[in-house]
Protein backbone atom coordinates (compact mmCIF):
# COMPACT_ATOMS: atom_id res chain seq x y z
CA MET A 1 -173.99 -32.82 -74.95
CA PRO A 2 -176.01 -36.40 -76.31
CA ARG A 3 -178.97 -36.61 -73.14
CA ASN A 4 -177.32 -39.95 -72.12
CA THR A 5 -174.53 -38.11 -71.66
CA LEU A 6 -175.95 -35.25 -70.32
CA ARG A 7 -178.12 -37.56 -67.59
CA LEU A 8 -174.99 -39.43 -66.36
CA ALA A 9 -173.36 -36.33 -65.82
CA ILE A 10 -176.23 -34.73 -63.04
CA ALA A 11 -176.69 -38.50 -61.82
CA LEU A 12 -172.66 -38.21 -61.27
CA SER A 13 -172.93 -34.88 -60.05
CA LEU A 14 -175.99 -35.54 -57.47
CA LEU A 15 -173.79 -38.95 -56.28
CA ALA A 16 -170.96 -36.76 -55.27
CA VAL A 17 -172.55 -34.58 -52.70
CA PRO A 18 -174.70 -35.97 -50.02
CA ALA A 19 -178.16 -34.10 -49.65
CA LEU A 20 -178.59 -30.88 -47.39
CA SER A 21 -182.14 -29.76 -46.93
CA ALA A 22 -180.55 -26.58 -45.04
CA CYS A 23 -181.11 -23.04 -46.52
CA GLY A 24 -178.75 -22.43 -49.72
CA GLY A 25 -177.89 -25.94 -49.89
CA SER A 26 -175.11 -26.42 -52.42
CA SER A 27 -171.71 -28.10 -53.51
CA ALA A 28 -168.25 -25.86 -53.49
CA ALA A 29 -168.21 -26.18 -57.67
CA SER A 30 -164.81 -25.80 -59.13
CA ASP A 31 -166.01 -21.97 -60.12
CA GLU A 32 -162.73 -19.79 -59.41
CA LYS A 33 -165.32 -16.90 -58.26
CA SER A 34 -167.26 -18.37 -55.50
CA VAL A 35 -166.47 -19.24 -51.42
CA THR A 36 -169.15 -21.66 -49.73
CA VAL A 37 -169.45 -20.89 -46.37
CA TYR A 38 -170.93 -24.06 -43.65
CA SER A 39 -172.82 -22.05 -40.96
CA ALA A 40 -174.91 -22.54 -37.56
CA ASP A 41 -178.07 -20.71 -38.38
CA GLY A 42 -178.90 -17.57 -36.90
CA LEU A 43 -177.28 -14.32 -38.78
CA LYS A 44 -179.18 -15.07 -41.93
CA GLY A 45 -182.24 -12.89 -41.89
CA GLU A 46 -186.20 -14.77 -42.44
CA ASN A 47 -186.30 -11.68 -45.14
CA GLY A 48 -182.93 -11.05 -46.42
CA ASP A 49 -182.72 -8.94 -43.83
CA GLY A 50 -179.75 -10.65 -41.46
CA TRP A 51 -176.10 -10.05 -40.77
CA TYR A 52 -175.03 -12.19 -43.29
CA ASP A 53 -177.43 -10.81 -45.76
CA GLN A 54 -175.84 -7.35 -46.04
CA VAL A 55 -172.03 -8.29 -45.59
CA PHE A 56 -172.27 -11.33 -48.28
CA LYS A 57 -173.83 -8.66 -50.48
CA ASP A 58 -171.37 -6.26 -50.27
CA PHE A 59 -168.54 -8.52 -50.09
CA GLU A 60 -169.72 -10.01 -53.72
CA LYS A 61 -170.15 -6.63 -54.72
CA GLU A 62 -166.33 -5.96 -53.56
CA THR A 63 -164.81 -8.77 -55.41
CA GLY A 64 -166.71 -10.54 -57.78
CA ILE A 65 -166.73 -13.65 -55.42
CA ASN A 66 -169.86 -15.18 -55.11
CA VAL A 67 -171.22 -16.55 -51.73
CA LYS A 68 -172.55 -20.06 -51.44
CA TYR A 69 -174.16 -20.87 -48.19
CA VAL A 70 -175.07 -24.02 -46.16
CA GLU A 71 -177.36 -23.71 -42.96
CA GLY A 72 -177.72 -25.98 -40.21
CA GLY A 73 -177.30 -26.90 -36.37
CA SER A 74 -173.94 -26.31 -35.06
CA GLY A 75 -172.98 -30.45 -34.95
CA GLU A 76 -174.64 -30.88 -38.27
CA MET A 77 -172.09 -28.78 -40.08
CA VAL A 78 -169.44 -29.84 -38.21
CA GLN A 79 -170.05 -33.54 -39.19
CA ARG A 80 -171.07 -32.71 -42.71
CA THR A 81 -167.41 -31.11 -42.88
CA LEU A 82 -165.86 -34.06 -41.00
CA ARG A 83 -167.74 -36.43 -43.25
CA GLU A 84 -165.98 -34.72 -46.61
CA LYS A 85 -162.78 -34.45 -44.80
CA SER A 86 -161.25 -36.43 -47.70
CA ASN A 87 -162.50 -34.11 -50.50
CA PRO A 88 -163.60 -30.80 -49.01
CA GLN A 89 -166.41 -28.85 -50.16
CA ALA A 90 -166.48 -25.46 -47.75
CA ASP A 91 -164.38 -23.25 -47.38
CA VAL A 92 -165.46 -21.14 -44.27
CA LEU A 93 -166.95 -23.14 -41.14
CA VAL A 94 -169.37 -20.53 -38.83
CA THR A 95 -169.92 -22.51 -35.76
CA LEU A 96 -170.87 -21.96 -32.10
CA PRO A 97 -168.69 -23.67 -29.05
CA PRO A 98 -167.89 -26.75 -28.23
CA PHE A 99 -168.58 -27.12 -31.47
CA ILE A 100 -165.75 -25.21 -33.26
CA GLN A 101 -163.30 -26.39 -30.75
CA GLN A 102 -164.63 -30.07 -32.10
CA ALA A 103 -163.71 -29.05 -35.15
CA ASP A 104 -160.41 -27.51 -34.46
CA GLY A 105 -159.34 -31.01 -32.56
CA LYS A 106 -160.16 -33.34 -35.75
CA GLY A 107 -158.16 -31.37 -37.61
CA LEU A 108 -160.80 -29.68 -40.18
CA LEU A 109 -159.57 -25.92 -39.62
CA GLN A 110 -156.35 -24.77 -40.89
CA LYS A 111 -154.21 -21.67 -39.16
CA TYR A 112 -155.08 -17.76 -40.91
CA ALA A 113 -155.09 -14.89 -39.27
CA PRO A 114 -157.69 -13.04 -40.76
CA GLN A 115 -156.94 -8.81 -41.04
CA GLY A 116 -158.17 -7.15 -37.51
CA VAL A 117 -157.74 -10.53 -35.02
CA ASP A 118 -155.73 -8.54 -33.26
CA GLN A 119 -158.14 -6.78 -31.93
CA VAL A 120 -160.35 -9.52 -31.10
CA GLY A 121 -159.50 -10.59 -27.17
CA GLY A 122 -157.55 -13.79 -26.37
CA ALA A 123 -160.84 -15.40 -25.06
CA ASP A 124 -162.09 -15.46 -28.37
CA LYS A 125 -160.20 -16.89 -30.72
CA ALA A 126 -158.13 -20.29 -30.92
CA ALA A 127 -154.42 -20.44 -29.45
CA ASP A 128 -153.41 -21.91 -32.65
CA GLY A 129 -154.78 -19.47 -34.89
CA THR A 130 -157.26 -21.87 -36.50
CA TRP A 131 -160.57 -19.72 -35.73
CA THR A 132 -161.89 -16.58 -34.44
CA THR A 133 -165.11 -15.32 -33.39
CA VAL A 134 -166.73 -13.30 -35.78
CA VAL A 135 -169.88 -12.50 -33.67
CA ASN A 136 -170.13 -11.94 -29.96
CA ASN A 137 -173.38 -13.50 -28.68
CA TYR A 138 -174.79 -15.03 -25.67
CA PHE A 139 -177.04 -17.94 -24.80
CA GLY A 140 -181.14 -17.08 -23.76
CA PHE A 141 -184.51 -18.25 -23.89
CA VAL A 142 -187.71 -16.95 -25.67
CA TYR A 143 -191.28 -16.18 -24.64
CA ASN A 144 -194.39 -15.65 -25.74
CA LYS A 145 -195.35 -12.01 -24.19
CA LYS A 146 -198.99 -12.35 -25.42
CA GLU A 147 -199.54 -15.68 -24.05
CA LEU A 148 -197.67 -14.85 -20.85
CA LYS A 149 -197.36 -11.50 -18.85
CA GLN A 150 -194.13 -11.77 -18.26
CA ALA A 151 -191.26 -14.96 -18.34
CA PRO A 152 -191.27 -17.69 -16.24
CA ALA A 153 -188.00 -16.43 -13.75
CA THR A 154 -186.58 -19.62 -12.93
CA TRP A 155 -186.16 -23.63 -14.13
CA GLU A 156 -188.32 -24.62 -11.44
CA GLU A 157 -191.20 -22.60 -13.35
CA LEU A 158 -190.71 -24.64 -16.10
CA LEU A 159 -191.91 -27.73 -14.47
CA ASP A 160 -195.54 -26.48 -14.17
CA ALA A 161 -198.29 -28.15 -16.23
CA ARG A 162 -199.12 -25.19 -18.18
CA TYR A 163 -196.55 -25.83 -20.37
CA GLY A 164 -197.05 -29.22 -21.33
CA ASN A 165 -196.40 -29.76 -24.93
CA LYS A 166 -195.60 -25.81 -24.89
CA LEU A 167 -191.71 -26.18 -24.32
CA GLN A 168 -189.01 -27.22 -26.74
CA TYR A 169 -185.71 -26.56 -26.51
CA SER A 170 -182.84 -28.11 -29.54
CA THR A 171 -181.19 -30.95 -29.18
CA PRO A 172 -177.97 -31.04 -27.49
CA GLY A 173 -175.06 -32.70 -29.41
CA VAL A 174 -176.60 -31.51 -32.63
CA ALA A 175 -177.42 -27.79 -32.59
CA GLY A 176 -175.27 -25.45 -30.62
CA ASP A 177 -177.95 -23.52 -28.34
CA GLY A 178 -179.34 -26.81 -27.67
CA THR A 179 -176.18 -27.99 -26.06
CA ALA A 180 -176.15 -24.80 -24.66
CA VAL A 181 -179.12 -25.69 -22.48
CA LEU A 182 -177.54 -28.65 -20.87
CA ILE A 183 -174.03 -26.46 -20.33
CA LYS A 184 -176.35 -23.95 -18.43
CA ALA A 185 -178.26 -26.72 -16.55
CA ILE A 186 -174.90 -28.05 -15.28
CA HIS A 187 -173.98 -24.78 -13.95
CA ASP A 188 -176.89 -23.63 -12.10
CA PHE A 189 -177.39 -26.34 -10.72
CA GLY A 190 -174.11 -27.09 -9.74
CA GLY A 191 -173.44 -30.05 -11.42
CA LYS A 192 -173.96 -32.67 -13.81
CA ASP A 193 -176.40 -35.08 -11.51
CA ALA A 194 -178.64 -32.32 -10.49
CA ALA A 195 -178.92 -30.57 -14.22
CA LEU A 196 -179.95 -33.74 -15.77
CA ALA A 197 -182.32 -34.74 -12.54
CA HIS A 198 -184.24 -31.57 -14.06
CA LEU A 199 -183.94 -31.79 -17.32
CA LYS A 200 -185.64 -35.34 -16.84
CA LYS A 201 -188.41 -33.63 -15.14
CA LEU A 202 -188.85 -31.08 -17.95
CA GLN A 203 -188.91 -33.83 -20.51
CA ALA A 204 -192.75 -34.25 -19.41
CA ASN A 205 -193.76 -31.05 -20.76
CA ASN A 206 -190.90 -30.85 -24.08
CA VAL A 207 -192.18 -31.70 -27.69
CA GLY A 208 -189.52 -33.09 -28.53
CA PRO A 209 -186.40 -33.02 -30.48
CA ALA A 210 -185.49 -30.38 -32.69
CA ALA A 211 -181.99 -30.13 -34.73
CA SER A 212 -182.40 -25.95 -35.45
CA THR A 213 -182.90 -23.50 -32.93
CA GLY A 214 -183.95 -20.98 -35.56
CA LYS A 215 -186.82 -23.12 -36.49
CA LEU A 216 -188.51 -22.31 -32.76
CA ALA A 217 -188.68 -18.41 -32.45
CA PRO A 218 -191.10 -18.40 -34.55
CA LYS A 219 -193.16 -20.94 -33.17
CA VAL A 220 -192.90 -19.32 -30.09
CA ASP A 221 -194.32 -15.92 -31.75
CA LYS A 222 -196.92 -17.87 -32.73
CA GLY A 223 -198.08 -19.63 -29.90
CA GLU A 224 -197.69 -22.86 -30.89
CA LEU A 225 -195.39 -22.71 -28.07
CA LEU A 226 -194.52 -20.68 -25.06
CA VAL A 227 -190.79 -21.14 -24.32
CA ALA A 228 -188.15 -22.19 -26.46
CA ASN A 229 -184.43 -21.88 -25.99
CA GLY A 230 -181.92 -19.45 -28.15
CA ASP A 231 -179.64 -16.96 -28.10
CA VAL A 232 -179.59 -13.10 -27.79
CA GLN A 233 -178.14 -12.29 -31.18
CA MET A 234 -180.76 -14.62 -33.33
CA ASN A 235 -183.61 -13.90 -31.58
CA PHE A 236 -182.93 -10.25 -30.87
CA ALA A 237 -183.04 -9.71 -34.75
CA GLN A 238 -185.81 -11.90 -34.63
CA ALA A 239 -188.20 -9.92 -32.79
CA LYS A 240 -188.04 -7.42 -35.44
CA THR A 241 -190.59 -9.19 -37.68
CA MET A 242 -191.98 -11.26 -34.90
CA PRO A 243 -194.00 -8.84 -32.46
CA ASN A 244 -194.66 -11.49 -29.54
CA LEU A 245 -190.90 -12.94 -29.05
CA GLY A 246 -189.58 -11.99 -25.69
CA ILE A 247 -186.24 -12.63 -24.49
CA TRP A 248 -185.37 -13.82 -20.90
CA PHE A 249 -182.47 -16.24 -18.77
CA PRO A 250 -183.47 -18.29 -16.40
CA ALA A 251 -182.36 -18.80 -12.52
CA ARG A 252 -182.28 -21.74 -10.04
CA ALA A 253 -184.94 -21.04 -7.81
CA GLY A 254 -183.32 -18.49 -5.50
CA GLY A 255 -180.63 -17.47 -7.42
CA LYS A 256 -179.95 -15.16 -10.36
CA PRO A 257 -180.36 -15.10 -14.23
CA THR A 258 -177.10 -16.47 -16.01
CA THR A 259 -176.25 -16.79 -18.94
CA PHE A 260 -172.71 -17.51 -21.51
CA ALA A 261 -171.06 -16.18 -24.14
CA LEU A 262 -171.93 -18.46 -27.41
CA PRO A 263 -170.02 -16.77 -30.06
CA TYR A 264 -169.87 -17.50 -33.56
CA ALA A 265 -166.61 -18.63 -34.39
CA ALA A 266 -164.85 -19.07 -38.01
CA GLY A 267 -162.68 -20.78 -39.59
CA LEU A 268 -160.63 -21.77 -42.75
CA VAL A 269 -161.09 -25.48 -43.65
CA THR A 270 -158.87 -27.17 -44.04
CA LYS A 271 -157.57 -28.49 -47.72
CA ALA A 272 -160.72 -25.78 -48.96
CA PRO A 273 -161.11 -25.62 -52.19
CA HIS A 274 -161.53 -21.58 -52.79
CA SER A 275 -158.72 -20.87 -50.02
CA GLU A 276 -158.06 -17.81 -51.07
CA ASN A 277 -161.59 -16.53 -51.80
CA GLY A 278 -162.75 -18.17 -47.86
CA ARG A 279 -159.47 -16.25 -46.64
CA LYS A 280 -160.48 -12.63 -48.09
CA LEU A 281 -164.08 -13.66 -47.10
CA LEU A 282 -162.94 -14.02 -43.26
CA ASP A 283 -160.58 -10.64 -43.82
CA HIS A 284 -164.25 -9.30 -44.62
CA LEU A 285 -166.47 -10.80 -41.53
CA LEU A 286 -163.50 -9.08 -39.06
CA SER A 287 -163.71 -5.53 -41.30
CA ARG A 288 -164.65 -2.39 -39.31
CA LYS A 289 -167.65 -2.05 -41.50
CA ALA A 290 -168.72 -6.01 -41.52
CA GLN A 291 -168.43 -5.38 -37.74
CA GLU A 292 -170.01 -1.98 -37.30
CA GLN A 293 -172.84 -4.19 -38.88
CA VAL A 294 -172.95 -6.60 -36.65
CA SER A 295 -175.42 -4.75 -34.07
CA THR A 296 -176.93 -2.60 -36.38
CA ILE A 297 -178.27 -5.17 -38.57
CA GLY A 298 -177.31 -8.15 -36.83
CA GLY A 299 -178.61 -7.57 -33.57
CA GLY A 300 -175.24 -9.23 -32.05
CA PHE A 301 -172.40 -8.04 -29.88
CA ALA A 302 -169.17 -7.01 -32.70
CA ALA A 303 -165.95 -9.45 -31.96
CA ARG A 304 -163.46 -6.37 -32.55
CA GLN A 305 -162.64 -4.82 -28.76
CA ASP A 306 -162.04 -1.37 -30.95
CA VAL A 307 -165.47 -1.30 -32.64
CA LYS A 308 -167.89 0.44 -29.87
CA SER A 309 -171.57 0.38 -30.60
CA THR A 310 -173.57 3.00 -29.65
CA ASP A 311 -176.86 2.44 -32.17
CA ALA A 312 -180.75 2.03 -30.57
CA ASN A 313 -179.70 -1.88 -30.96
CA ALA A 314 -176.29 -1.64 -29.18
CA ILE A 315 -178.14 0.39 -26.05
CA ALA A 316 -181.34 -2.23 -25.68
CA LEU A 317 -178.55 -4.96 -25.87
CA THR A 318 -177.01 -3.73 -22.69
CA ARG A 319 -180.19 -3.47 -20.90
CA LEU A 320 -181.52 -6.19 -22.08
CA MET A 321 -178.09 -7.81 -20.51
CA ASP A 322 -178.22 -5.97 -17.02
CA GLY A 323 -178.44 -7.89 -13.85
CA VAL A 324 -177.78 -11.25 -15.63
CA GLU A 325 -174.82 -13.08 -14.59
CA VAL A 326 -172.42 -14.08 -17.00
CA PHE A 327 -170.03 -17.23 -16.08
CA GLU A 328 -167.36 -18.70 -18.65
CA PRO A 329 -168.01 -22.65 -19.32
CA ASP A 330 -164.78 -24.53 -18.92
CA TRP A 331 -164.71 -25.50 -22.55
CA ASN A 332 -161.56 -27.16 -22.28
CA ASP A 333 -163.98 -29.76 -20.25
CA ILE A 334 -166.85 -29.68 -22.35
CA GLY A 335 -164.55 -30.28 -25.54
CA GLN A 336 -163.26 -33.38 -24.21
CA ASN A 337 -166.28 -34.64 -22.57
CA LEU A 338 -169.48 -33.90 -24.55
CA THR A 339 -169.84 -36.84 -25.98
CA SER A 340 -170.27 -38.31 -22.36
CA TYR A 341 -172.60 -35.21 -21.60
CA VAL A 342 -174.69 -35.66 -24.41
CA ASP A 343 -174.94 -39.47 -23.77
CA ALA A 344 -176.18 -38.99 -20.18
CA TRP A 345 -178.81 -36.26 -21.58
CA LYS A 346 -179.77 -38.62 -24.10
CA SER A 347 -180.18 -41.52 -21.15
CA ALA A 348 -181.63 -39.15 -18.55
CA THR A 349 -184.53 -38.00 -20.88
CA GLY A 350 -185.25 -40.74 -23.05
CA SER A 351 -184.16 -38.92 -25.96
């Protein structure tokens, strides 16, 4: 190919795909032996030792299909998929609530029932068959065990001056875990107004916005932060290589620590360029082998009800959740009013 023609081809290919500074960013090329996954962060290991690393490796070995992986915040991944709606680049979208419901509502997901989905609980999959949980998970916070003798027990403690510029949470509306901060605060404080009043006060200690929750844990481990938000699966997995990381669940003063399920849910993208490969990958993610690896490798909770994990990680996770009250958010309300909730948060915090 002449040099000028080659340059033109490269330039056109770059213009065709928006840049994304995420891990493994790549467009879905015409390669029929590939599948592109857009995913919220948390399931891929820092050192190639995460659940995604293993299941993608197994999938590629078994099928010969190459997995192309793009990672970012939950909201970011949905917005990217939405921008590409007329020319989809992703085959599979994996994100947290309420963003998976948001993606469904915007027509970004097509119906597909992966093998094994009958073993996933009704609350963990879409009634219309457009998405299913692949890894169960719970919202939580992390703290530095070296600098703090014990985790701060309550939301109110986080207002203390010792947490000035040592506290950070990912941005609601952009990151799934960041949105979870807002959801949990509304529950714990008994309503939106009381929650926003507290988060407004908390802003004095907050370092500032963060698009990705996964990047906060390393800062906590190093002592750059004392407290940050996260989720149980991601932080439990990170703790393997981050010895100062501790997981905790804030309570309202005088109340019990609380959390809620925050699963990784996957769906087949509408008009996906490699739909058949996407279906095969979804089947693999819900296979017994992959689901048994959720706790042993990923540090999470299996989505399939017929997979009963008894490994050391599963036992430790059960103990971690002991005494924590699990509530169920009204995802329909959150999905319908997410924009107004996030706007109210921005107004209250000046973000």
